[in-house]
């Protein structure tokens, strides 16, 4: 018998910068939500050099991680390491 894992979130967006949040990511999340795809919302979670426990939990509870171009952020790179540890499906998005 195969047990299926239940996911709290369909997608975990990992990104760097308010410009990404207010432009690309806001449009992506709006489309996802209108199609019944739940996206983790990190509003209210303070970012720092260490990953907040709430973010680690959200990564673990998300089926897919959407990684948006952020190589200059050590915080986001730490999130990426956690994403890889969880073996989530990762969708990288690179932009200029």
C-alpha atoms as a PDB file:
ATOM      1  CA  UNK A   1       0.000   0.000   0.000  1.00  0.00           C
ATOM      2  CA  UNK A   2       1.394   3.390  -1.021  1.00  0.00           C
ATOM      3  CA  UNK A   3       0.665   6.284   1.282  1.00  0.00           C
ATOM      4  CA  UNK A   4       0.373   9.718  -0.244  1.00  0.00           C
ATOM      5  CA  UNK A   5       1.854  12.694   1.483  1.00  0.00           C
ATOM      6  CA  UNK A   6      -0.452  15.605   2.106  1.00  0.00           C
ATOM      7  CA  UNK A   7       1.014  19.013   1.406  1.00  0.00           C
ATOM      8  CA  UNK A   8      -0.033  22.153   3.251  1.00  0.00           C
ATOM      9  CA  UNK A   9       1.116  24.370   0.367  1.00  0.00           C
ATOM     10  CA  UNK A  10       1.351  23.584  -3.313  1.00  0.00           C
ATOM     11  CA  UNK A  11       4.264  25.962  -3.786  1.00  0.00           C
ATOM     12  CA  UNK A  12       6.952  27.701  -1.734  1.00  0.00           C
ATOM     13  CA  UNK A  13       8.355  30.800  -3.435  1.00  0.00           C
ATOM     14  CA  UNK A  14      11.975  31.568  -2.583  1.00  0.00           C
ATOM     15  CA  UNK A  15      13.148  34.940  -3.844  1.00  0.00           C
ATOM     16  CA  UNK A  16      15.072  38.083  -2.956  1.00  0.00           C
ATOM     17  CA  UNK A  17      13.835  41.662  -3.048  1.00  0.00           C
ATOM     18  CA  UNK A  18      10.670  43.682  -2.791  1.00  0.00           C
ATOM     19  CA  UNK A  19      10.784  44.398  -6.527  1.00  0.00           C
ATOM     20  CA  UNK A  20      10.332  40.682  -7.250  1.00  0.00           C
ATOM     21  CA  UNK A  21       7.541  40.431  -4.631  1.00  0.00           C
ATOM     22  CA  UNK A  22       5.624  43.404  -6.031  1.00  0.00           C
ATOM     23  CA  UNK A  23       6.000  42.546  -9.718  1.00  0.00           C
ATOM     24  CA  UNK A  24       6.672  39.040 -10.983  1.00  0.00           C
ATOM     25  CA  UNK A  25       5.801  37.090  -7.843  1.00  0.00           C
ATOM     26  CA  UNK A  26       2.545  38.940  -7.145  1.00  0.00           C
ATOM     27  CA  UNK A  27       1.313  38.135 -10.672  1.00  0.00           C
ATOM     28  CA  UNK A  28       2.419  34.505 -10.413  1.00  0.00           C
ATOM     29  CA  UNK A  29       0.734  34.019  -7.027  1.00  0.00           C
ATOM     30  CA  UNK A  30      -2.481  35.657  -8.248  1.00  0.00           C
ATOM     31  CA  UNK A  31      -2.629  33.226 -11.191  1.00  0.00           C
ATOM     32  CA  UNK A  32      -1.829  30.241  -8.994  1.00  0.00           C
ATOM     33  CA  UNK A  33      -4.470  31.176  -6.412  1.00  0.00           C
ATOM     34  CA  UNK A  34      -7.127  31.739  -9.090  1.00  0.00           C
ATOM     35  CA  UNK A  35      -6.440  28.183 -10.261  1.00  0.00           C
ATOM     36  CA  UNK A  36      -6.628  26.636  -6.785  1.00  0.00           C
ATOM     37  CA  UNK A  37      -2.861  26.344  -6.293  1.00  0.00           C
ATOM     38  CA  UNK A  38      -1.914  27.361  -2.744  1.00  0.00           C
ATOM     39  CA  UNK A  39       1.253  29.406  -2.379  1.00  0.00           C
ATOM     40  CA  UNK A  40       2.991  29.974   0.945  1.00  0.00           C
ATOM     41  CA  UNK A  41       2.877  33.644   1.977  1.00  0.00           C
ATOM     42  CA  UNK A  42       5.856  34.817   4.023  1.00  0.00           C
ATOM     43  CA  UNK A  43       4.399  38.200   4.992  1.00  0.00           C
ATOM     44  CA  UNK A  44       5.144  38.859   8.640  1.00  0.00           C
ATOM     45  CA  UNK A  45       8.166  36.539   8.885  1.00  0.00           C
ATOM     46  CA  UNK A  46      11.341  38.488   9.589  1.00  0.00           C
ATOM     47  CA  UNK A  47      14.280  37.622   7.332  1.00  0.00           C
ATOM     48  CA  UNK A  48      17.805  37.303   8.691  1.00  0.00           C
ATOM     49  CA  UNK A  49      21.004  35.341   8.063  1.00  0.00           C
ATOM     50  CA  UNK A  50      19.459  32.237   9.649  1.00  0.00           C
ATOM     51  CA  UNK A  51      16.315  30.676   8.279  1.00  0.00           C
ATOM     52  CA  UNK A  52      13.275  31.264  10.460  1.00  0.00           C
ATOM     53  CA  UNK A  53      11.672  28.053  11.769  1.00  0.00           C
ATOM     54  CA  UNK A  54       8.414  29.056  10.048  1.00  0.00           C
ATOM     55  CA  UNK A  55      10.205  29.140   6.681  1.00  0.00           C
ATOM     56  CA  UNK A  56      11.805  25.733   7.244  1.00  0.00           C
ATOM     57  CA  UNK A  57       8.401  24.310   8.115  1.00  0.00           C
ATOM     58  CA  UNK A  58       6.828  25.899   5.028  1.00  0.00           C
ATOM     59  CA  UNK A  59       9.568  24.470   2.797  1.00  0.00           C
ATOM     60  CA  UNK A  60       8.963  21.007   4.233  1.00  0.00           C
ATOM     61  CA  UNK A  61       5.182  21.348   3.831  1.00  0.00           C
ATOM     62  CA  UNK A  62       5.318  22.520   0.197  1.00  0.00           C
ATOM     63  CA  UNK A  63       5.167  20.222  -2.777  1.00  0.00           C
ATOM     64  CA  UNK A  64       7.099  22.484  -5.146  1.00  0.00           C
ATOM     65  CA  UNK A  65       9.630  25.233  -4.507  1.00  0.00           C
ATOM     66  CA  UNK A  66       9.815  28.112  -6.947  1.00  0.00           C
ATOM     67  CA  UNK A  67      13.278  29.630  -6.806  1.00  0.00           C
ATOM     68  CA  UNK A  68      13.444  33.092  -8.390  1.00  0.00           C
ATOM     69  CA  UNK A  69      16.830  34.559  -9.362  1.00  0.00           C
ATOM     70  CA  UNK A  70      18.504  35.629  -6.108  1.00  0.00           C
ATOM     71  CA  UNK A  71      22.128  34.458  -6.077  1.00  0.00           C
ATOM     72  CA  UNK A  72      23.314  37.610  -4.280  1.00  0.00           C
ATOM     73  CA  UNK A  73      21.358  36.832  -1.097  1.00  0.00           C
ATOM     74  CA  UNK A  74      22.959  34.540   1.502  1.00  0.00           C
ATOM     75  CA  UNK A  75      19.581  34.167   3.234  1.00  0.00           C
ATOM     76  CA  UNK A  76      18.002  32.854   0.039  1.00  0.00           C
ATOM     77  CA  UNK A  77      20.943  30.564  -0.622  1.00  0.00           C
ATOM     78  CA  UNK A  78      20.395  29.104   2.864  1.00  0.00           C
ATOM     79  CA  UNK A  79      16.734  28.561   1.960  1.00  0.00           C
ATOM     80  CA  UNK A  80      17.863  26.825  -1.231  1.00  0.00           C
ATOM     81  CA  UNK A  81      20.034  24.422   0.778  1.00  0.00           C
ATOM     82  CA  UNK A  82      16.996  23.577   2.931  1.00  0.00           C
ATOM     83  CA  UNK A  83      14.882  23.094  -0.208  1.00  0.00           C
ATOM     84  CA  UNK A  84      17.455  20.642  -1.572  1.00  0.00           C
ATOM     85  CA  UNK A  85      17.549  18.766   1.756  1.00  0.00           C
ATOM     86  CA  UNK A  86      13.781  18.294   1.558  1.00  0.00           C
ATOM     87  CA  UNK A  87      14.040  17.006  -2.014  1.00  0.00           C
ATOM     88  CA  UNK A  88      11.148  19.183  -3.140  1.00  0.00           C
ATOM     89  CA  UNK A  89      10.494  19.630  -6.820  1.00  0.00           C
ATOM     90  CA  UNK A  90      12.397  22.793  -7.679  1.00  0.00           C
ATOM     91  CA  UNK A  91      11.347  25.202 -10.438  1.00  0.00           C
ATOM     92  CA  UNK A  92      14.152  27.739 -11.019  1.00  0.00           C
ATOM     93  CA  UNK A  93      13.215  31.043 -12.658  1.00  0.00           C
ATOM     94  CA  UNK A  94      15.989  33.324 -13.856  1.00  0.00           C
ATOM     95  CA  UNK A  95      15.438  36.928 -14.865  1.00  0.00           C
ATOM     96  CA  UNK A  96      17.463  40.064 -15.427  1.00  0.00           C
END
